[in-house]
Amino acid sequence: MKKGFREGIRSLWNDERGSQLIEFILVFPLVWLLIVFAFDQFSIMYNKQKALAAAYEAGRIAAVQPNYGLAAYYAEERGKAELRQAIGSTDSKIRLLLREGSWSKGSHVQTEATLTFTLLATGTQYQVTESYFMMIENAEEKR
């Protein structure tokens, strides 16, 4: 009886039926984690580019406005339009900051785009902030 039991175990051990299923069960979670974390890295990189593009677009439209009020309005509109293309966005902000105190031709303005989004793998919030400096080109002359 012992000999039959050993032969039965040996034949099960040498039987390759189902080995592909076992390999799939062991390898699939690792491949899935790799894919999910790669997607997270891609979304971080893509959203950083979107935040930079939003800061640039907001600065570009603001720099050609005649006064600060119009510049702030159009900068936010243009920047938010760019940030709407981000992946998984939960919050976004566009800020317009004067570098030299007043809205005058030749002064500089800084635009800042902040984007918050959720990462797929961990479910945590991630935030990117990009800024862009631009010279004011078309300010009204004050008399």
N, C-alpha and C. Protein backbone atom coordinates (compact mmCIF):
# COMPACT_ATOMS: atom_id res chain seq x y z
N MET A 1 0.81 -1.19 0.00
CA MET A 1 0.00 0.00 0.00
C MET A 1 0.86 1.26 0.00
N LYS A 2 1.99 1.22 0.72
CA LYS A 2 2.86 2.38 0.74
C LYS A 2 3.42 2.67 -0.64
N LYS A 3 3.74 1.63 -1.35
CA LYS A 3 4.29 1.81 -2.69
C LYS A 3 3.26 2.46 -3.61
N GLY A 4 2.02 2.09 -3.51
CA GLY A 4 0.96 2.68 -4.32
C GLY A 4 0.73 4.15 -3.98
N PHE A 5 0.85 4.48 -2.68
CA PHE A 5 0.67 5.86 -2.25
C PHE A 5 1.79 6.73 -2.81
N ARG A 6 3.02 6.24 -2.73
CA ARG A 6 4.17 6.99 -3.25
C ARG A 6 4.05 7.17 -4.76
N GLU A 7 3.64 6.17 -5.45
CA GLU A 7 3.48 6.29 -6.90
C GLU A 7 2.38 7.29 -7.25
N GLY A 8 1.31 7.28 -6.43
CA GLY A 8 0.22 8.24 -6.66
C GLY A 8 0.70 9.68 -6.48
N ILE A 9 1.48 9.93 -5.42
CA ILE A 9 2.03 11.27 -5.16
C ILE A 9 2.99 11.65 -6.28
N ARG A 10 3.85 10.73 -6.67
CA ARG A 10 4.82 11.00 -7.73
C ARG A 10 4.12 11.30 -9.06
N SER A 11 3.05 10.56 -9.35
CA SER A 11 2.34 10.82 -10.60
C SER A 11 1.63 12.18 -10.56
N LEU A 12 1.11 12.56 -9.38
CA LEU A 12 0.51 13.91 -9.26
C LEU A 12 1.58 14.99 -9.41
N TRP A 13 2.74 14.74 -8.81
CA TRP A 13 3.83 15.71 -8.88
C TRP A 13 4.33 15.90 -10.31
N ASN A 14 4.39 14.85 -11.06
CA ASN A 14 4.87 14.91 -12.44
C ASN A 14 3.79 15.34 -13.43
N ASP A 15 2.53 15.34 -13.01
CA ASP A 15 1.43 15.72 -13.89
C ASP A 15 1.47 17.24 -14.09
N GLU A 16 1.51 17.69 -15.34
CA GLU A 16 1.62 19.12 -15.63
C GLU A 16 0.28 19.77 -15.92
N ARG A 17 -0.80 19.03 -15.83
CA ARG A 17 -2.11 19.64 -16.03
C ARG A 17 -2.38 20.64 -14.92
N GLY A 18 -2.83 21.83 -15.28
CA GLY A 18 -3.13 22.86 -14.29
C GLY A 18 -1.95 23.73 -13.91
N SER A 19 -0.76 23.42 -14.43
CA SER A 19 0.41 24.21 -14.06
C SER A 19 0.33 25.63 -14.61
N GLN A 20 -0.27 25.79 -15.77
CA GLN A 20 -0.42 27.13 -16.33
C GLN A 20 -1.36 27.98 -15.48
N LEU A 21 -2.40 27.36 -14.95
CA LEU A 21 -3.33 28.07 -14.08
C LEU A 21 -2.62 28.53 -12.80
N ILE A 22 -1.82 27.68 -12.22
CA ILE A 22 -1.06 28.03 -11.01
C ILE A 22 -0.09 29.17 -11.31
N GLU A 23 0.62 29.08 -12.42
CA GLU A 23 1.55 30.15 -12.80
C GLU A 23 0.81 31.46 -13.00
N PHE A 24 -0.34 31.41 -13.64
CA PHE A 24 -1.15 32.62 -13.85
C PHE A 24 -1.57 33.22 -12.52
N ILE A 25 -2.03 32.39 -11.60
CA ILE A 25 -2.48 32.87 -10.29
C ILE A 25 -1.33 33.52 -9.51
N LEU A 26 -0.13 32.99 -9.66
CA LEU A 26 1.03 33.55 -8.96
C LEU A 26 1.58 34.81 -9.61
N VAL A 27 1.54 34.90 -10.93
CA VAL A 27 2.17 36.01 -11.64
C VAL A 27 1.21 37.18 -11.88
N PHE A 28 -0.07 36.93 -12.06
CA PHE A 28 -1.02 37.99 -12.41
C PHE A 28 -1.05 39.15 -11.41
N PRO A 29 -1.07 38.90 -10.10
CA PRO A 29 -1.08 40.04 -9.18
C PRO A 29 0.14 40.95 -9.32
N LEU A 30 1.29 40.35 -9.59
CA LEU A 30 2.50 41.16 -9.77
C LEU A 30 2.41 42.01 -11.04
N VAL A 31 1.92 41.42 -12.10
CA VAL A 31 1.77 42.16 -13.35
C VAL A 31 0.73 43.27 -13.17
N TRP A 32 -0.34 42.97 -12.46
CA TRP A 32 -1.38 43.98 -12.22
C TRP A 32 -0.83 45.15 -11.42
N LEU A 33 -0.06 44.89 -10.36
CA LEU A 33 0.55 45.97 -9.58
C LEU A 33 1.49 46.82 -10.45
N LEU A 34 2.24 46.18 -11.30
CA LEU A 34 3.13 46.90 -12.20
C LEU A 34 2.34 47.83 -13.12
N ILE A 35 1.25 47.35 -13.66
CA ILE A 35 0.41 48.16 -14.55
C ILE A 35 -0.21 49.33 -13.80
N VAL A 36 -0.74 49.08 -12.61
CA VAL A 36 -1.40 50.14 -11.84
C VAL A 36 -0.39 51.22 -11.43
N PHE A 37 0.77 50.83 -10.95
CA PHE A 37 1.77 51.82 -10.56
C PHE A 37 2.32 52.56 -11.78
N ALA A 38 2.43 51.91 -12.91
CA ALA A 38 2.85 52.59 -14.14
C ALA A 38 1.80 53.63 -14.53
N PHE A 39 0.53 53.30 -14.38
CA PHE A 39 -0.53 54.26 -14.69
C PHE A 39 -0.46 55.45 -13.75
N ASP A 40 -0.16 55.21 -12.46
CA ASP A 40 0.00 56.32 -11.52
C ASP A 40 1.13 57.24 -11.93
N GLN A 41 2.25 56.67 -12.32
CA GLN A 41 3.38 57.49 -12.75
C GLN A 41 3.04 58.29 -14.01
N PHE A 42 2.34 57.66 -14.93
CA PHE A 42 1.91 58.36 -16.14
C PHE A 42 0.97 59.51 -15.79
N SER A 43 0.01 59.27 -14.89
CA SER A 43 -0.95 60.32 -14.56
C SER A 43 -0.26 61.48 -13.84
N ILE A 44 0.75 61.20 -13.00
CA ILE A 44 1.50 62.27 -12.36
C ILE A 44 2.23 63.10 -13.42
N MET A 45 2.91 62.43 -14.33
CA MET A 45 3.65 63.14 -15.38
C MET A 45 2.71 63.95 -16.27
N TYR A 46 1.61 63.35 -16.69
CA TYR A 46 0.65 64.02 -17.57
C TYR A 46 0.03 65.23 -16.86
N ASN A 47 -0.35 65.07 -15.61
CA ASN A 47 -0.98 66.17 -14.88
C ASN A 47 0.01 67.29 -14.57
N LYS A 48 1.29 66.96 -14.38
CA LYS A 48 2.29 68.02 -14.23
C LYS A 48 2.40 68.84 -15.52
N GLN A 49 2.36 68.17 -16.65
CA GLN A 49 2.39 68.87 -17.93
C GLN A 49 1.15 69.74 -18.12
N LYS A 50 -0.02 69.23 -17.72
CA LYS A 50 -1.26 70.00 -17.82
C LYS A 50 -1.21 71.23 -16.93
N ALA A 51 -0.65 71.09 -15.72
CA ALA A 51 -0.54 72.23 -14.81
C ALA A 51 0.42 73.28 -15.38
N LEU A 52 1.52 72.83 -15.98
CA LEU A 52 2.45 73.78 -16.60
C LEU A 52 1.80 74.47 -17.80
N ALA A 53 1.07 73.71 -18.60
CA ALA A 53 0.37 74.31 -19.75
C ALA A 53 -0.68 75.31 -19.28
N ALA A 54 -1.36 75.01 -18.19
CA ALA A 54 -2.38 75.92 -17.65
C ALA A 54 -1.73 77.20 -17.14
N ALA A 55 -0.60 77.08 -16.46
CA ALA A 55 0.11 78.26 -15.98
C ALA A 55 0.58 79.12 -17.15
N TYR A 56 1.11 78.47 -18.19
CA TYR A 56 1.56 79.21 -19.38
C TYR A 56 0.39 79.92 -20.06
N GLU A 57 -0.70 79.19 -20.30
CA GLU A 57 -1.86 79.79 -20.99
C GLU A 57 -2.45 80.94 -20.17
N ALA A 58 -2.54 80.76 -18.86
CA ALA A 58 -3.07 81.82 -18.01
C ALA A 58 -2.17 83.05 -18.06
N GLY A 59 -0.86 82.83 -18.00
CA GLY A 59 0.08 83.96 -18.07
C GLY A 59 0.07 84.65 -19.41
N ARG A 60 -0.05 83.87 -20.45
CA ARG A 60 -0.04 84.43 -21.80
C ARG A 60 -1.26 85.33 -22.04
N ILE A 61 -2.43 84.87 -21.62
CA ILE A 61 -3.64 85.69 -21.82
C ILE A 61 -3.64 86.88 -20.88
N ALA A 62 -3.10 86.71 -19.67
CA ALA A 62 -3.07 87.82 -18.71
C ALA A 62 -2.12 88.92 -19.16
N ALA A 63 -1.01 88.57 -19.76
CA ALA A 63 0.02 89.55 -20.13
C ALA A 63 -0.45 90.55 -21.18
N VAL A 64 -1.48 90.22 -21.93
CA VAL A 64 -1.94 91.12 -22.99
C VAL A 64 -3.20 91.88 -22.60
N GLN A 65 -3.62 91.79 -21.34
CA GLN A 65 -4.81 92.50 -20.90
C GLN A 65 -4.45 93.92 -20.43
N PRO A 66 -5.38 94.87 -20.57
CA PRO A 66 -5.06 96.26 -20.22
C PRO A 66 -5.05 96.54 -18.72
N ASN A 67 -5.73 95.71 -17.90
CA ASN A 67 -5.71 95.96 -16.46
C ASN A 67 -5.74 94.64 -15.69
N TYR A 68 -5.50 94.75 -14.39
CA TYR A 68 -5.38 93.56 -13.55
C TYR A 68 -6.69 92.79 -13.45
N GLY A 69 -7.81 93.47 -13.38
CA GLY A 69 -9.10 92.80 -13.26
C GLY A 69 -9.39 91.88 -14.44
N LEU A 70 -9.21 92.41 -15.65
CA LEU A 70 -9.41 91.57 -16.83
C LEU A 70 -8.38 90.45 -16.90
N ALA A 71 -7.15 90.76 -16.52
CA ALA A 71 -6.09 89.76 -16.56
C ALA A 71 -6.41 88.59 -15.62
N ALA A 72 -6.87 88.91 -14.41
CA ALA A 72 -7.19 87.84 -13.45
C ALA A 72 -8.36 87.00 -13.96
N TYR A 73 -9.36 87.65 -14.52
CA TYR A 73 -10.53 86.92 -15.03
C TYR A 73 -10.15 85.98 -16.17
N TYR A 74 -9.48 86.53 -17.19
CA TYR A 74 -9.14 85.70 -18.35
C TYR A 74 -8.09 84.64 -18.02
N ALA A 75 -7.18 84.95 -17.10
CA ALA A 75 -6.18 83.96 -16.69
C ALA A 75 -6.87 82.76 -16.05
N GLU A 76 -7.83 83.02 -15.18
CA GLU A 76 -8.53 81.91 -14.54
C GLU A 76 -9.34 81.11 -15.55
N GLU A 77 -10.02 81.80 -16.46
CA GLU A 77 -10.82 81.09 -17.48
C GLU A 77 -9.94 80.20 -18.36
N ARG A 78 -8.86 80.75 -18.85
CA ARG A 78 -7.98 79.99 -19.76
C ARG A 78 -7.27 78.86 -19.02
N GLY A 79 -6.79 79.14 -17.80
CA GLY A 79 -6.11 78.11 -17.03
C GLY A 79 -7.03 76.97 -16.63
N LYS A 80 -8.24 77.28 -16.19
CA LYS A 80 -9.20 76.24 -15.80
C LYS A 80 -9.59 75.38 -17.01
N ALA A 81 -9.70 76.00 -18.18
CA ALA A 81 -10.01 75.23 -19.39
C ALA A 81 -8.93 74.19 -19.66
N GLU A 82 -7.69 74.56 -19.44
CA GLU A 82 -6.58 73.61 -19.64
C GLU A 82 -6.58 72.53 -18.56
N LEU A 83 -6.87 72.90 -17.32
CA LEU A 83 -6.85 71.93 -16.22
C LEU A 83 -8.01 70.94 -16.28
N ARG A 84 -9.07 71.27 -17.01
CA ARG A 84 -10.18 70.33 -17.15
C ARG A 84 -9.77 69.08 -17.92
N GLN A 85 -8.66 69.13 -18.63
CA GLN A 85 -8.18 67.98 -19.39
C GLN A 85 -7.31 67.03 -18.57
N ALA A 86 -7.12 67.34 -17.29
CA ALA A 86 -6.28 66.52 -16.43
C ALA A 86 -6.97 65.18 -16.11
N ILE A 87 -6.18 64.20 -15.70
CA ILE A 87 -6.69 62.87 -15.37
C ILE A 87 -7.05 62.82 -13.88
N GLY A 88 -8.29 62.50 -13.57
CA GLY A 88 -8.71 62.28 -12.19
C GLY A 88 -8.70 63.50 -11.31
N SER A 89 -8.86 64.67 -11.88
CA SER A 89 -8.79 65.92 -11.12
C SER A 89 -9.92 66.02 -10.10
N THR A 90 -9.56 66.42 -8.87
CA THR A 90 -10.56 66.66 -7.84
C THR A 90 -10.64 68.13 -7.47
N ASP A 91 -9.57 68.89 -7.69
CA ASP A 91 -9.56 70.32 -7.37
C ASP A 91 -8.49 71.00 -8.21
N SER A 92 -8.75 72.25 -8.58
CA SER A 92 -7.75 73.01 -9.34
C SER A 92 -7.88 74.49 -9.00
N LYS A 93 -6.74 75.19 -9.06
CA LYS A 93 -6.71 76.62 -8.78
C LYS A 93 -5.75 77.30 -9.74
N ILE A 94 -6.09 78.51 -10.12
CA ILE A 94 -5.20 79.37 -10.90
C ILE A 94 -5.03 80.66 -10.11
N ARG A 95 -3.79 81.05 -9.89
CA ARG A 95 -3.52 82.31 -9.19
C ARG A 95 -2.68 83.21 -10.07
N LEU A 96 -2.94 84.49 -9.98
CA LEU A 96 -2.20 85.51 -10.73
C LEU A 96 -1.52 86.40 -9.69
N LEU A 97 -0.19 86.48 -9.73
CA LEU A 97 0.57 87.23 -8.74
C LEU A 97 1.40 88.30 -9.42
N LEU A 98 1.28 89.53 -8.97
CA LEU A 98 2.11 90.60 -9.51
C LEU A 98 3.46 90.57 -8.82
N ARG A 99 4.51 90.63 -9.60
CA ARG A 99 5.86 90.54 -9.04
C ARG A 99 6.38 91.91 -8.59
N GLU A 100 5.93 92.99 -9.20
CA GLU A 100 6.50 94.30 -8.91
C GLU A 100 5.48 95.31 -8.41
N GLY A 101 4.35 94.86 -7.93
CA GLY A 101 3.42 95.75 -7.27
C GLY A 101 2.28 96.34 -8.08
N SER A 102 2.50 96.75 -9.31
CA SER A 102 1.41 97.37 -10.07
C SER A 102 1.32 96.77 -11.47
N TRP A 103 0.15 96.93 -12.06
CA TRP A 103 -0.08 96.42 -13.41
C TRP A 103 0.40 97.46 -14.40
N SER A 104 1.62 97.34 -14.86
CA SER A 104 2.17 98.30 -15.81
C SER A 104 3.02 97.57 -16.85
N LYS A 105 3.07 98.19 -18.02
CA LYS A 105 3.81 97.59 -19.13
C LYS A 105 5.28 97.41 -18.73
N GLY A 106 5.81 96.23 -19.00
CA GLY A 106 7.19 95.93 -18.66
C GLY A 106 7.36 95.26 -17.31
N SER A 107 6.35 95.32 -16.45
CA SER A 107 6.40 94.61 -15.18
C SER A 107 6.20 93.11 -15.44
N HIS A 108 6.37 92.32 -14.41
CA HIS A 108 6.23 90.87 -14.58
C HIS A 108 5.09 90.34 -13.73
N VAL A 109 4.44 89.33 -14.27
CA VAL A 109 3.35 88.65 -13.59
C VAL A 109 3.69 87.16 -13.51
N GLN A 110 3.30 86.55 -12.41
CA GLN A 110 3.51 85.11 -12.24
C GLN A 110 2.14 84.45 -12.16
N THR A 111 1.97 83.39 -12.92
CA THR A 111 0.75 82.59 -12.82
C THR A 111 1.11 81.26 -12.18
N GLU A 112 0.22 80.79 -11.34
CA GLU A 112 0.46 79.54 -10.62
C GLU A 112 -0.76 78.65 -10.80
N ALA A 113 -0.53 77.43 -11.26
CA ALA A 113 -1.60 76.46 -11.46
C ALA A 113 -1.38 75.31 -10.47
N THR A 114 -2.41 75.02 -9.68
CA THR A 114 -2.35 73.93 -8.71
C THR A 114 -3.44 72.93 -9.06
N LEU A 115 -3.06 71.67 -9.13
CA LEU A 115 -3.98 70.60 -9.51
C LEU A 115 -3.89 69.48 -8.48
N THR A 116 -5.04 69.06 -7.97
CA THR A 116 -5.11 67.94 -7.03
C THR A 116 -5.87 66.81 -7.69
N PHE A 117 -5.32 65.59 -7.59
CA PHE A 117 -5.96 64.44 -8.21
C PHE A 117 -5.70 63.20 -7.36
N THR A 118 -6.48 62.15 -7.62
CA THR A 118 -6.38 60.91 -6.86
C THR A 118 -5.56 59.88 -7.62
N LEU A 119 -4.63 59.24 -6.92
CA LEU A 119 -3.83 58.18 -7.53
C LEU A 119 -4.63 56.87 -7.51
N LEU A 120 -4.52 56.11 -8.58
CA LEU A 120 -5.28 54.87 -8.72
C LEU A 120 -4.81 53.77 -7.76
N ALA A 121 -3.51 53.60 -7.62
CA ALA A 121 -2.97 52.48 -6.84
C ALA A 121 -3.25 52.63 -5.34
N THR A 122 -3.02 53.81 -4.80
CA THR A 122 -3.15 53.99 -3.35
C THR A 122 -4.43 54.72 -2.96
N GLY A 123 -5.05 55.40 -3.90
CA GLY A 123 -6.25 56.17 -3.59
C GLY A 123 -5.96 57.46 -2.85
N THR A 124 -4.70 57.84 -2.74
CA THR A 124 -4.34 59.06 -2.03
C THR A 124 -4.41 60.27 -2.96
N GLN A 125 -4.56 61.42 -2.35
CA GLN A 125 -4.58 62.67 -3.11
C GLN A 125 -3.14 63.08 -3.41
N TYR A 126 -2.91 63.56 -4.61
CA TYR A 126 -1.60 64.03 -5.04
C TYR A 126 -1.78 65.43 -5.59
N GLN A 127 -0.85 66.32 -5.29
CA GLN A 127 -0.99 67.70 -5.75
C GLN A 127 0.27 68.14 -6.49
N VAL A 128 0.06 68.79 -7.62
CA VAL A 128 1.17 69.38 -8.37
C VAL A 128 0.90 70.87 -8.51
N THR A 129 1.97 71.65 -8.44
CA THR A 129 1.89 73.09 -8.62
C THR A 129 2.97 73.50 -9.60
N GLU A 130 2.58 74.22 -10.61
CA GLU A 130 3.52 74.74 -11.60
C GLU A 130 3.30 76.24 -11.74
N SER A 131 4.36 76.97 -12.05
CA SER A 131 4.22 78.42 -12.22
C SER A 131 4.96 78.87 -13.48
N TYR A 132 4.57 80.06 -13.93
CA TYR A 132 5.16 80.62 -15.14
C TYR A 132 5.26 82.13 -14.98
N PHE A 133 6.38 82.72 -15.39
CA PHE A 133 6.58 84.15 -15.32
C PHE A 133 6.42 84.75 -16.71
N MET A 134 5.77 85.91 -16.76
CA MET A 134 5.52 86.55 -18.05
C MET A 134 5.63 88.06 -17.88
N MET A 135 6.14 88.74 -18.89
CA MET A 135 6.19 90.21 -18.87
C MET A 135 4.86 90.76 -19.36
N ILE A 136 4.36 91.79 -18.68
CA ILE A 136 3.10 92.43 -19.06
C ILE A 136 3.36 93.24 -20.32
N GLU A 137 2.58 92.99 -21.36
CA GLU A 137 2.83 93.61 -22.66
C GLU A 137 1.89 94.75 -23.00
N ASN A 138 0.69 94.77 -22.44
CA ASN A 138 -0.32 95.66 -23.00
C ASN A 138 -1.08 96.42 -21.91
N ALA A 139 -0.42 96.84 -20.85
CA ALA A 139 -1.11 97.55 -19.78
C ALA A 139 -1.45 98.97 -20.21
N GLU A 140 -2.59 99.45 -19.72
CA GLU A 140 -3.00 100.84 -19.99
C GLU A 140 -2.08 101.78 -19.24
N GLU A 141 -1.72 102.85 -19.87
CA GLU A 141 -0.90 103.86 -19.21
C GLU A 141 -1.78 104.69 -18.30
N LYS A 142 -1.38 104.85 -17.02
CA LYS A 142 -2.15 105.67 -16.09
C LYS A 142 -1.67 107.11 -16.17
N ARG A 143 -2.62 108.03 -16.14
CA ARG A 143 -2.24 109.45 -16.24
C ARG A 143 -2.42 110.15 -14.93
